[in-house]
């Protein structure tokens, strides 16, 4: 069973994923990435959110880190 702190962290990550999706995932995204799957996207968001060497703020800097991860493995912005 999850405690309250774990539940809050999970909700923050879910909100961060939705925030990032609005920029990079799907046809309505501001800067959609080509051929990225939902699983790839969620994985990249979780990598950023769970890093221990930086503070996770779920802000635009973290959002750009997600984009950088996805671009580093070959996903490109759709034209």
Protein backbone atom coordinates (compact mmCIF):
# COMPACT_ATOMS: atom_id res chain seq x y z
CA UNK A 1 0.00 0.00 0.00
CA UNK A 2 1.27 3.46 -0.91
CA UNK A 3 1.72 6.10 1.73
CA UNK A 4 0.54 9.68 1.23
CA UNK A 5 3.95 10.99 0.15
CA UNK A 6 4.32 8.28 -2.52
CA UNK A 7 0.82 8.99 -3.77
CA UNK A 8 1.58 12.72 -4.06
CA UNK A 9 4.79 11.99 -5.97
CA UNK A 10 2.94 9.68 -8.36
CA UNK A 11 0.25 12.32 -8.96
CA UNK A 12 2.93 14.96 -9.63
CA UNK A 13 4.58 12.67 -12.18
CA UNK A 14 1.21 12.00 -13.85
CA UNK A 15 0.59 15.76 -14.09
CA UNK A 16 4.10 16.26 -15.47
CA UNK A 17 3.50 13.60 -18.13
CA UNK A 18 0.30 15.35 -19.25
CA UNK A 19 2.10 18.71 -19.28
CA UNK A 20 4.89 17.29 -21.46
CA UNK A 21 2.42 15.51 -23.74
CA UNK A 22 0.79 18.83 -24.54
CA UNK A 23 4.10 19.95 -26.03
CA UNK A 24 5.54 16.83 -27.65
CA UNK A 25 3.03 13.99 -27.95
CA UNK A 26 0.15 13.58 -30.36
CA UNK A 27 -1.29 15.52 -33.25
CA UNK A 28 -2.39 18.46 -31.07
CA UNK A 29 1.04 18.95 -29.47
CA UNK A 30 2.83 22.28 -29.84
CA UNK A 31 6.05 20.57 -31.05
CA UNK A 32 5.01 16.99 -31.87
CA UNK A 33 7.72 14.36 -32.13
CA UNK A 34 7.44 11.85 -34.98
CA UNK A 35 6.66 8.22 -34.19
CA UNK A 36 7.17 8.43 -30.43
CA UNK A 37 5.00 5.87 -28.65
CA UNK A 38 3.09 6.55 -25.48
CA UNK A 39 5.36 4.10 -23.64
CA UNK A 40 8.54 5.81 -24.91
CA UNK A 41 7.13 9.14 -23.82
CA UNK A 42 6.12 7.99 -20.33
CA UNK A 43 9.48 6.29 -19.86
CA UNK A 44 11.39 9.51 -20.75
CA UNK A 45 9.21 11.52 -18.34
CA UNK A 46 9.87 9.04 -15.56
CA UNK A 47 13.62 9.12 -16.21
CA UNK A 48 13.61 12.88 -15.68
CA UNK A 49 11.27 12.78 -12.67
CA UNK A 50 13.29 10.11 -10.86
CA UNK A 51 16.78 11.51 -11.38
CA UNK A 52 18.61 11.97 -8.11
CA UNK A 53 21.36 14.29 -9.35
CA UNK A 54 18.99 17.19 -10.07
CA UNK A 55 15.95 18.68 -8.41
CA UNK A 56 12.74 17.71 -10.16
CA UNK A 57 10.46 20.74 -10.44
CA UNK A 58 8.11 19.56 -13.23
CA UNK A 59 8.78 22.83 -15.03
CA UNK A 60 9.84 23.84 -18.53
CA UNK A 61 13.45 22.86 -17.87
CA UNK A 62 12.36 19.33 -16.93
CA UNK A 63 10.05 19.26 -19.96
CA UNK A 64 12.99 20.13 -22.21
CA UNK A 65 15.02 17.36 -20.56
CA UNK A 66 12.30 14.92 -21.67
CA UNK A 67 12.56 16.27 -25.22
CA UNK A 68 16.35 15.97 -25.11
CA UNK A 69 16.12 12.31 -24.03
CA UNK A 70 13.67 11.50 -26.81
CA UNK A 71 15.76 13.33 -29.41
CA UNK A 72 18.92 11.57 -28.21
CA UNK A 73 17.39 8.21 -29.13
CA UNK A 74 16.31 9.39 -32.56
CA UNK A 75 12.87 10.97 -32.29
CA UNK A 76 12.59 14.15 -34.36
CA UNK A 77 10.14 17.02 -34.40
CA UNK A 78 7.36 16.53 -36.96
CA UNK A 79 7.32 18.97 -39.85
